[in-house]
Amino acid sequence: RVSWLLDRQRADGGWGGPDGYALVPTLSATEALL
């Protein structure tokens, strides 16, 4: 799961879909890595 998250980070640092859809998944992935 950790590797999967790392593989799916976008070039801009976010995770998830375009527009505001990246907010929730990026919060979750970032907190998980911390």
PDB file of all heavy atoms in Angstrom:
ATOM      1  N   ARG A   1       0.833  -1.215   0.000  1.00  0.00           N
ATOM      2  CA  ARG A   1       0.000   0.000   0.000  1.00  0.00           C
ATOM      3  C   ARG A   1       0.863   1.259   0.000  1.00  0.00           C
ATOM      4  O   ARG A   1       0.553   2.235  -0.696  1.00  0.00           O
ATOM      5  CB  ARG A   1      -0.958  -0.025   1.208  1.00  0.00           C
ATOM      6  CG  ARG A   1      -2.143  -0.952   1.010  1.00  0.00           C
ATOM      7  CD  ARG A   1      -3.133  -0.877   2.174  1.00  0.00           C
ATOM      8  NE  ARG A   1      -2.669  -1.657   3.325  1.00  0.00           N
ATOM      9  CZ  ARG A   1      -2.839  -2.955   3.472  1.00  0.00           C
ATOM     10  NH1 ARG A   1      -3.454  -3.651   2.534  1.00  0.00           N
ATOM     11  NH2 ARG A   1      -2.411  -3.580   4.549  1.00  0.00           N
ATOM     12  N   VAL A   2       1.946   1.252   0.788  1.00  0.00           N
ATOM     13  CA  VAL A   2       2.830   2.420   0.800  1.00  0.00           C
ATOM     14  C   VAL A   2       3.437   2.638  -0.583  1.00  0.00           C
ATOM     15  O   VAL A   2       3.457   3.772  -1.107  1.00  0.00           O
ATOM     16  CB  VAL A   2       3.931   2.246   1.858  1.00  0.00           C
ATOM     17  CG1 VAL A   2       4.959   3.385   1.755  1.00  0.00           C
ATOM     18  CG2 VAL A   2       3.326   2.214   3.260  1.00  0.00           C
ATOM     19  N   SER A   3       3.925   1.578  -1.196  1.00  0.00           N
ATOM     20  CA  SER A   3       4.519   1.704  -2.534  1.00  0.00           C
ATOM     21  C   SER A   3       3.494   2.161  -3.556  1.00  0.00           C
ATOM     22  O   SER A   3       3.796   2.952  -4.458  1.00  0.00           O
ATOM     23  CB  SER A   3       5.127   0.367  -2.957  1.00  0.00           C
ATOM     24  OG  SER A   3       6.192   0.009  -2.096  1.00  0.00           O
ATOM     25  N   TRP A   4       2.284   1.661  -3.426  1.00  0.00           N
ATOM     26  CA  TRP A   4       1.199   2.048  -4.347  1.00  0.00           C
ATOM     27  C   TRP A   4       0.935   3.550  -4.246  1.00  0.00           C
ATOM     28  O   TRP A   4       0.747   4.225  -5.267  1.00  0.00           O
ATOM     29  CB  TRP A   4      -0.040   1.235  -4.022  1.00  0.00           C
ATOM     30  CG  TRP A   4      -1.193   1.412  -4.959  1.00  0.00           C
ATOM     31  CD1 TRP A   4      -1.413   0.767  -6.134  1.00  0.00           C
ATOM     32  CD2 TRP A   4      -2.329   2.289  -4.769  1.00  0.00           C
ATOM     33  NE1 TRP A   4      -2.600   1.182  -6.699  1.00  0.00           N
ATOM     34  CE2 TRP A   4      -3.179   2.121  -5.879  1.00  0.00           C
ATOM     35  CE3 TRP A   4      -2.699   3.195  -3.782  1.00  0.00           C
ATOM     36  CZ2 TRP A   4      -4.369   2.817  -6.031  1.00  0.00           C
ATOM     37  CZ3 TRP A   4      -3.890   3.894  -3.924  1.00  0.00           C
ATOM     38  CH2 TRP A   4      -4.712   3.707  -5.042  1.00  0.00           C
ATOM     39  N   LEU A   5       0.917   4.075  -3.026  1.00  0.00           N
ATOM     40  CA  LEU A   5       0.711   5.513  -2.859  1.00  0.00           C
ATOM     41  C   LEU A   5       1.844   6.310  -3.512  1.00  0.00           C
ATOM     42  O   LEU A   5       1.600   7.302  -4.206  1.00  0.00           O
ATOM     43  CB  LEU A   5       0.615   5.864  -1.374  1.00  0.00           C
ATOM     44  CG  LEU A   5      -0.647   5.424  -0.633  1.00  0.00           C
ATOM     45  CD1 LEU A   5      -0.538   5.764   0.842  1.00  0.00           C
ATOM     46  CD2 LEU A   5      -1.892   6.062  -1.231  1.00  0.00           C
ATOM     47  N   LEU A   6       3.071   5.874  -3.282  1.00  0.00           N
ATOM     48  CA  LEU A   6       4.201   6.585  -3.869  1.00  0.00           C
ATOM     49  C   LEU A   6       4.129   6.578  -5.396  1.00  0.00           C
ATOM     50  O   LEU A   6       4.424   7.594  -6.055  1.00  0.00           O
ATOM     51  CB  LEU A   6       5.507   5.948  -3.410  1.00  0.00           C
ATOM     52  CG  LEU A   6       5.874   6.125  -1.932  1.00  0.00           C
ATOM     53  CD1 LEU A   6       7.116   5.303  -1.596  1.00  0.00           C
ATOM     54  CD2 LEU A   6       6.101   7.590  -1.597  1.00  0.00           C
ATOM     55  N   ASP A   7       3.717   5.470  -5.963  1.00  0.00           N
ATOM     56  CA  ASP A   7       3.650   5.354  -7.421  1.00  0.00           C
ATOM     57  C   ASP A   7       2.579   6.242  -8.031  1.00  0.00           C
ATOM     58  O   ASP A   7       2.643   6.559  -9.231  1.00  0.00           O
ATOM     59  CB  ASP A   7       3.376   3.903  -7.828  1.00  0.00           C
ATOM     60  CG  ASP A   7       4.574   2.997  -7.587  1.00  0.00           C
ATOM     61  OD1 ASP A   7       5.682   3.520  -7.388  1.00  0.00           O
ATOM     62  OD2 ASP A   7       4.386   1.762  -7.571  1.00  0.00           O
ATOM     63  N   ARG A   8       1.593   6.630  -7.251  1.00  0.00           N
ATOM     64  CA  ARG A   8       0.467   7.380  -7.796  1.00  0.00           C
ATOM     65  C   ARG A   8       0.508   8.871  -7.509  1.00  0.00           C
ATOM     66  O   ARG A   8      -0.439   9.594  -7.801  1.00  0.00           O
ATOM     67  CB  ARG A   8      -0.853   6.764  -7.306  1.00  0.00           C
ATOM     68  CG  ARG A   8      -1.250   5.621  -8.204  1.00  0.00           C
ATOM     69  CD  ARG A   8      -2.036   4.536  -7.505  1.00  0.00           C
ATOM     70  NE  ARG A   8      -2.210   3.424  -8.449  1.00  0.00           N
ATOM     71  CZ  ARG A   8      -1.266   2.518  -8.733  1.00  0.00           C
ATOM     72  NH1 ARG A   8      -0.085   2.595  -8.152  1.00  0.00           N
ATOM     73  NH2 ARG A   8      -1.503   1.547  -9.603  1.00  0.00           N
ATOM     74  N   GLN A   9       1.589   9.339  -6.942  1.00  0.00           N
ATOM     75  CA  GLN A   9       1.700  10.780  -6.746  1.00  0.00           C
ATOM     76  C   GLN A   9       1.884  11.472  -8.090  1.00  0.00           C
ATOM     77  O   GLN A   9       2.637  11.011  -8.949  1.00  0.00           O
ATOM     78  CB  GLN A   9       2.869  11.114  -5.829  1.00  0.00           C
ATOM     79  CG  GLN A   9       2.906  12.599  -5.439  1.00  0.00           C
ATOM     80  CD  GLN A   9       3.943  12.877  -4.370  1.00  0.00           C
ATOM     81  OE1 GLN A   9       4.952  12.183  -4.271  1.00  0.00           O
ATOM     82  NE2 GLN A   9       3.705  13.909  -3.561  1.00  0.00           N
ATOM     83  N   ARG A  10       1.174  12.561  -8.273  1.00  0.00           N
ATOM     84  CA  ARG A  10       1.255  13.316  -9.519  1.00  0.00           C
ATOM     85  C   ARG A  10       2.514  14.180  -9.553  1.00  0.00           C
ATOM     86  O   ARG A  10       3.142  14.418  -8.529  1.00  0.00           O
ATOM     87  CB  ARG A  10       0.017  14.199  -9.669  1.00  0.00           C
ATOM     88  CG  ARG A  10      -1.277  13.419  -9.612  1.00  0.00           C
ATOM     89  CD  ARG A  10      -2.526  14.241  -9.832  1.00  0.00           C
ATOM     90  NE  ARG A  10      -2.501  15.621  -9.424  1.00  0.00           N
ATOM     91  CZ  ARG A  10      -3.592  16.354  -9.202  1.00  0.00           C
ATOM     92  NH1 ARG A  10      -4.794  15.810  -9.352  1.00  0.00           N
ATOM     93  NH2 ARG A  10      -3.495  17.616  -8.853  1.00  0.00           N
ATOM     94  N   ALA A  11       2.839  14.671 -10.723  1.00  0.00           N
ATOM     95  CA  ALA A  11       4.025  15.517 -10.876  1.00  0.00           C
ATOM     96  C   ALA A  11       3.922  16.795 -10.055  1.00  0.00           C
ATOM     97  O   ALA A  11       4.938  17.348  -9.614  1.00  0.00           O
ATOM     98  CB  ALA A  11       4.228  15.851 -12.354  1.00  0.00           C
ATOM     99  N   ASP A  12       2.695  17.280  -9.822  1.00  0.00           N
ATOM    100  CA  ASP A  12       2.516  18.518  -9.057  1.00  0.00           C
ATOM    101  C   ASP A  12       2.481  18.280  -7.550  1.00  0.00           C
ATOM    102  O   ASP A  12       2.274  19.217  -6.779  1.00  0.00           O
ATOM    103  CB  ASP A  12       1.261  19.260  -9.513  1.00  0.00           C
ATOM    104  CG  ASP A  12      -0.021  18.487  -9.256  1.00  0.00           C
ATOM    105  OD1 ASP A  12       0.042  17.346  -8.735  1.00  0.00           O
ATOM    106  OD2 ASP A  12      -1.109  19.009  -9.599  1.00  0.00           O
ATOM    107  N   GLY A  13       2.663  17.034  -7.113  1.00  0.00           N
ATOM    108  CA  GLY A  13       2.692  16.719  -5.692  1.00  0.00           C
ATOM    109  C   GLY A  13       1.385  16.213  -5.129  1.00  0.00           C
ATOM    110  O   GLY A  13       1.338  15.746  -3.990  1.00  0.00           O
ATOM    111  N   GLY A  14       0.319  16.327  -5.910  1.00  0.00           N
ATOM    112  CA  GLY A  14      -0.977  15.882  -5.424  1.00  0.00           C
ATOM    113  C   GLY A  14      -1.267  14.437  -5.783  1.00  0.00           C
ATOM    114  O   GLY A  14      -0.515  13.758  -6.471  1.00  0.00           O
ATOM    115  N   TRP A  15      -2.383  13.982  -5.270  1.00  0.00           N
ATOM    116  CA  TRP A  15      -2.913  12.672  -5.621  1.00  0.00           C
ATOM    117  C   TRP A  15      -4.386  12.846  -6.023  1.00  0.00           C
ATOM    118  O   TRP A  15      -5.049  13.789  -5.597  1.00  0.00           O
ATOM    119  CB  TRP A  15      -2.884  11.723  -4.426  1.00  0.00           C
ATOM    120  CG  TRP A  15      -1.593  11.067  -4.104  1.00  0.00           C
ATOM    121  CD1 TRP A  15      -1.168   9.830  -4.503  1.00  0.00           C
ATOM    122  CD2 TRP A  15      -0.543  11.579  -3.269  1.00  0.00           C
ATOM    123  NE1 TRP A  15       0.067   9.545  -3.968  1.00  0.00           N
ATOM    124  CE2 TRP A  15       0.477  10.601  -3.214  1.00  0.00           C
ATOM    125  CE3 TRP A  15      -0.362  12.774  -2.566  1.00  0.00           C
ATOM    126  CZ2 TRP A  15       1.642  10.773  -2.476  1.00  0.00           C
ATOM    127  CZ3 TRP A  15       0.799  12.950  -1.836  1.00  0.00           C
ATOM    128  CH2 TRP A  15       1.784  11.967  -1.799  1.00  0.00           C
ATOM    129  N   GLY A  16      -4.894  11.943  -6.838  1.00  0.00           N
ATOM    130  CA  GLY A  16      -6.309  11.945  -7.146  1.00  0.00           C
ATOM    131  C   GLY A  16      -6.640  12.634  -8.449  1.00  0.00           C
ATOM    132  O   GLY A  16      -5.792  12.841  -9.321  1.00  0.00           O
ATOM    133  N   GLY A  17      -7.901  13.024  -8.589  1.00  0.00           N
ATOM    134  CA  GLY A  17      -8.411  13.562  -9.826  1.00  0.00           C
ATOM    135  C   GLY A  17      -8.080  15.024 -10.043  1.00  0.00           C
ATOM    136  O   GLY A  17      -7.470  15.689  -9.190  1.00  0.00           O
ATOM    137  N   PRO A  18      -8.497  15.553 -11.201  1.00  0.00           N
ATOM    138  CA  PRO A  18      -8.254  16.970 -11.500  1.00  0.00           C
ATOM    139  C   PRO A  18      -9.066  17.892 -10.601  1.00  0.00           C
ATOM    140  O   PRO A  18      -9.944  17.464  -9.851  1.00  0.00           O
ATOM    141  CB  PRO A  18      -8.721  17.091 -12.967  1.00  0.00           C
ATOM    142  CG  PRO A  18      -8.808  15.700 -13.487  1.00  0.00           C
ATOM    143  CD  PRO A  18      -9.139  14.838 -12.306  1.00  0.00           C
ATOM    144  N   ASP A  19      -8.739  19.162 -10.702  1.00  0.00           N
ATOM    145  CA  ASP A  19      -9.483  20.219 -10.015  1.00  0.00           C
ATOM    146  C   ASP A  19      -9.478  19.958  -8.505  1.00  0.00           C
ATOM    147  O   ASP A  19      -8.535  19.431  -7.953  1.00  0.00           O
ATOM    148  CB  ASP A  19     -10.904  20.322 -10.575  1.00  0.00           C
ATOM    149  CG  ASP A  19     -10.923  20.608 -12.069  1.00  0.00           C
ATOM    150  OD1 ASP A  19      -9.950  21.191 -12.584  1.00  0.00           O
ATOM    151  OD2 ASP A  19     -11.898  20.210 -12.744  1.00  0.00           O
ATOM    152  N   GLY A  20     -10.547  20.299  -7.837  1.00  0.00           N
ATOM    153  CA  GLY A  20     -10.606  20.140  -6.381  1.00  0.00           C
ATOM    154  C   GLY A  20     -10.678  18.712  -5.911  1.00  0.00           C
ATOM    155  O   GLY A  20     -10.613  18.452  -4.702  1.00  0.00           O
ATOM    156  N   TYR A  21     -10.813  17.766  -6.829  1.00  0.00           N
ATOM    157  CA  TYR A  21     -10.909  16.354  -6.431  1.00  0.00           C
ATOM    158  C   TYR A  21      -9.599  15.819  -5.867  1.00  0.00           C
ATOM    159  O   TYR A  21      -9.571  14.705  -5.339  1.00  0.00           O
ATOM    160  CB  TYR A  21     -11.343  15.508  -7.619  1.00  0.00           C
ATOM    161  CG  TYR A  21     -12.790  15.702  -7.986  1.00  0.00           C
ATOM    162  CD1 TYR A  21     -13.153  16.481  -9.081  1.00  0.00           C
ATOM    163  CD2 TYR A  21     -13.802  15.122  -7.237  1.00  0.00           C
ATOM    164  CE1 TYR A  21     -14.489  16.664  -9.420  1.00  0.00           C
ATOM    165  CE2 TYR A  21     -15.134  15.293  -7.558  1.00  0.00           C
ATOM    166  CZ  TYR A  21     -15.472  16.068  -8.661  1.00  0.00           C
ATOM    167  OH  TYR A  21     -16.799  16.246  -8.981  1.00  0.00           O
ATOM    168  N   ALA A  22      -8.519  16.559  -5.963  1.00  0.00           N
ATOM    169  CA  ALA A  22      -7.249  16.102  -5.407  1.00  0.00           C
ATOM    170  C   ALA A  22      -7.115  16.381  -3.916  1.00  0.00           C
ATOM    171  O   ALA A  22      -6.236  15.813  -3.263  1.00  0.00           O
ATOM    172  CB  ALA A  22      -6.091  16.769  -6.156  1.00  0.00           C
ATOM    173  N   LEU A  23      -7.951  17.237  -3.344  1.00  0.00           N
ATOM    174  CA  LEU A  23      -7.733  17.690  -1.972  1.00  0.00           C
ATOM    175  C   LEU A  23      -7.799  16.539  -0.966  1.00  0.00           C
ATOM    176  O   LEU A  23      -6.859  16.321  -0.187  1.00  0.00           O
ATOM    177  CB  LEU A  23      -8.751  18.770  -1.613  1.00  0.00           C
ATOM    178  CG  LEU A  23      -8.697  19.272  -0.160  1.00  0.00           C
ATOM    179  CD1 LEU A  23      -7.315  19.823   0.169  1.00  0.00           C
ATOM    180  CD2 LEU A  23      -9.771  20.331   0.089  1.00  0.00           C
ATOM    181  N   VAL A  24      -8.888  15.807  -0.957  1.00  0.00           N
ATOM    182  CA  VAL A  24      -9.070  14.743   0.036  1.00  0.00           C
ATOM    183  C   VAL A  24      -8.033  13.636  -0.118  1.00  0.00           C
ATOM    184  O   VAL A  24      -7.394  13.233   0.869  1.00  0.00           O
ATOM    185  CB  VAL A  24     -10.511  14.204  -0.015  1.00  0.00           C
ATOM    186  CG1 VAL A  24     -10.636  12.874   0.715  1.00  0.00           C
ATOM    187  CG2 VAL A  24     -11.476  15.223   0.591  1.00  0.00           C
ATOM    188  N   PRO A  25      -7.814  13.081  -1.331  1.00  0.00           N
ATOM    189  CA  PRO A  25      -6.786  12.035  -1.431  1.00  0.00           C
ATOM    190  C   PRO A  25      -5.382  12.525  -1.106  1.00  0.00           C
ATOM    191  O   PRO A  25      -4.573  11.770  -0.549  1.00  0.00           O
ATOM    192  CB  PRO A  25      -6.896  11.561  -2.888  1.00  0.00           C
ATOM    193  CG  PRO A  25      -7.657  12.616  -3.610  1.00  0.00           C
ATOM    194  CD  PRO A  25      -8.542  13.252  -2.603  1.00  0.00           C
ATOM    195  N   THR A  26      -5.068  13.793  -1.412  1.00  0.00           N
ATOM    196  CA  THR A  26      -3.734  14.295  -1.101  1.00  0.00           C
ATOM    197  C   THR A  26      -3.545  14.464   0.407  1.00  0.00           C
ATOM    198  O   THR A  26      -2.470  14.165   0.958  1.00  0.00           O
ATOM    199  CB  THR A  26      -3.464  15.627  -1.824  1.00  0.00           C
ATOM    200  OG1 THR A  26      -3.618  15.425  -3.239  1.00  0.00           O
ATOM    201  CG2 THR A  26      -2.062  16.128  -1.552  1.00  0.00           C
ATOM    202  N   LEU A  27      -4.561  14.925   1.092  1.00  0.00           N
ATOM    203  CA  LEU A  27      -4.494  14.989   2.551  1.00  0.00           C
ATOM    204  C   LEU A  27      -4.250  13.603   3.137  1.00  0.00           C
ATOM    205  O   LEU A  27      -3.400  13.420   4.023  1.00  0.00           O
ATOM    206  CB  LEU A  27      -5.793  15.565   3.113  1.00  0.00           C
ATOM    207  CG  LEU A  27      -5.896  17.088   3.224  1.00  0.00           C
ATOM    208  CD1 LEU A  27      -7.346  17.501   3.490  1.00  0.00           C
ATOM    209  CD2 LEU A  27      -4.985  17.609   4.339  1.00  0.00           C
ATOM    210  N   SER A  28      -4.969  12.620   2.645  1.00  0.00           N
ATOM    211  CA  SER A  28      -4.847  11.264   3.187  1.00  0.00           C
ATOM    212  C   SER A  28      -3.477  10.674   2.907  1.00  0.00           C
ATOM    213  O   SER A  28      -2.822  10.110   3.805  1.00  0.00           O
ATOM    214  CB  SER A  28      -5.933  10.365   2.586  1.00  0.00           C
ATOM    215  OG  SER A  28      -5.852   9.059   3.103  1.00  0.00           O
ATOM    216  N   ALA A  29      -3.012  10.768   1.659  1.00  0.00           N
ATOM    217  CA  ALA A  29      -1.716  10.193   1.306  1.00  0.00           C
ATOM    218  C   ALA A  29      -0.584  10.892   2.040  1.00  0.00           C
ATOM    219  O   ALA A  29       0.361  10.237   2.529  1.00  0.00           O
ATOM    220  CB  ALA A  29      -1.511  10.278  -0.211  1.00  0.00           C
ATOM    221  N   THR A  30      -0.639  12.211   2.142  1.00  0.00           N
ATOM    222  CA  THR A  30       0.425  12.956   2.823  1.00  0.00           C
ATOM    223  C   THR A  30       0.471  12.597   4.295  1.00  0.00           C
ATOM    224  O   THR A  30       1.554  12.354   4.868  1.00  0.00           O
ATOM    225  CB  THR A  30       0.212  14.465   2.637  1.00  0.00           C
ATOM    226  OG1 THR A  30       0.181  14.776   1.239  1.00  0.00           O
ATOM    227  CG2 THR A  30       1.326  15.253   3.306  1.00  0.00           C
ATOM    228  N   GLU A  31      -0.691  12.549   4.949  1.00  0.00           N
ATOM    229  CA  GLU A  31      -0.714  12.182   6.372  1.00  0.00           C
ATOM    230  C   GLU A  31      -0.218  10.765   6.569  1.00  0.00           C
ATOM    231  O   GLU A  31       0.510  10.477   7.542  1.00  0.00           O
ATOM    232  CB  GLU A  31      -2.140  12.326   6.909  1.00  0.00           C
ATOM    233  CG  GLU A  31      -2.239  12.355   8.431  1.00  0.00           C
ATOM    234  CD  GLU A  31      -2.098  10.978   9.073  1.00  0.00           C
ATOM    235  OE1 GLU A  31      -2.463   9.963   8.418  1.00  0.00           O
ATOM    236  OE2 GLU A  31      -1.629  10.901  10.235  1.00  0.00           O
ATOM    237  N   ALA A  32      -0.562   9.855   5.643  1.00  0.00           N
ATOM    238  CA  ALA A  32      -0.106   8.467   5.747  1.00  0.00           C
ATOM    239  C   ALA A  32       1.420   8.396   5.670  1.00  0.00           C
ATOM    240  O   ALA A  32       2.065   7.683   6.456  1.00  0.00           O
ATOM    241  CB  ALA A  32      -0.740   7.627   4.637  1.00  0.00           C
ATOM    242  N   LEU A  33       2.031   9.134   4.739  1.00  0.00           N
ATOM    243  CA  LEU A  33       3.481   9.106   4.602  1.00  0.00           C
ATOM    244  C   LEU A  33       4.168   9.730   5.818  1.00  0.00           C
ATOM    245  O   LEU A  33       5.216   9.249   6.272  1.00  0.00           O
ATOM    246  CB  LEU A  33       3.902   9.830   3.327  1.00  0.00           C
ATOM    247  CG  LEU A  33       3.440   9.204   2.007  1.00  0.00           C
ATOM    248  CD1 LEU A  33       3.958  10.006   0.822  1.00  0.00           C
ATOM    249  CD2 LEU A  33       3.892   7.754   1.897  1.00  0.00           C
ATOM    250  N   LEU A  34       3.583  10.788   6.365  1.00  0.00           N
ATOM    251  CA  LEU A  34       4.136  11.377   7.585  1.00  0.00           C
ATOM    252  C   LEU A  34       4.090  10.379   8.742  1.00  0.00           C
ATOM    253  O   LEU A  34       5.031  10.291   9.545  1.00  0.00           O
ATOM    254  CB  LEU A  34       3.368  12.650   7.953  1.00  0.00           C
ATOM    255  CG  LEU A  34       3.579  13.855   7.028  1.00  0.00           C
ATOM    256  CD1 LEU A  34       2.565  14.945   7.339  1.00  0.00           C
ATOM    257  CD2 LEU A  34       5.006  14.393   7.147  1.00  0.00           C
TER     258      LEU A  34
END
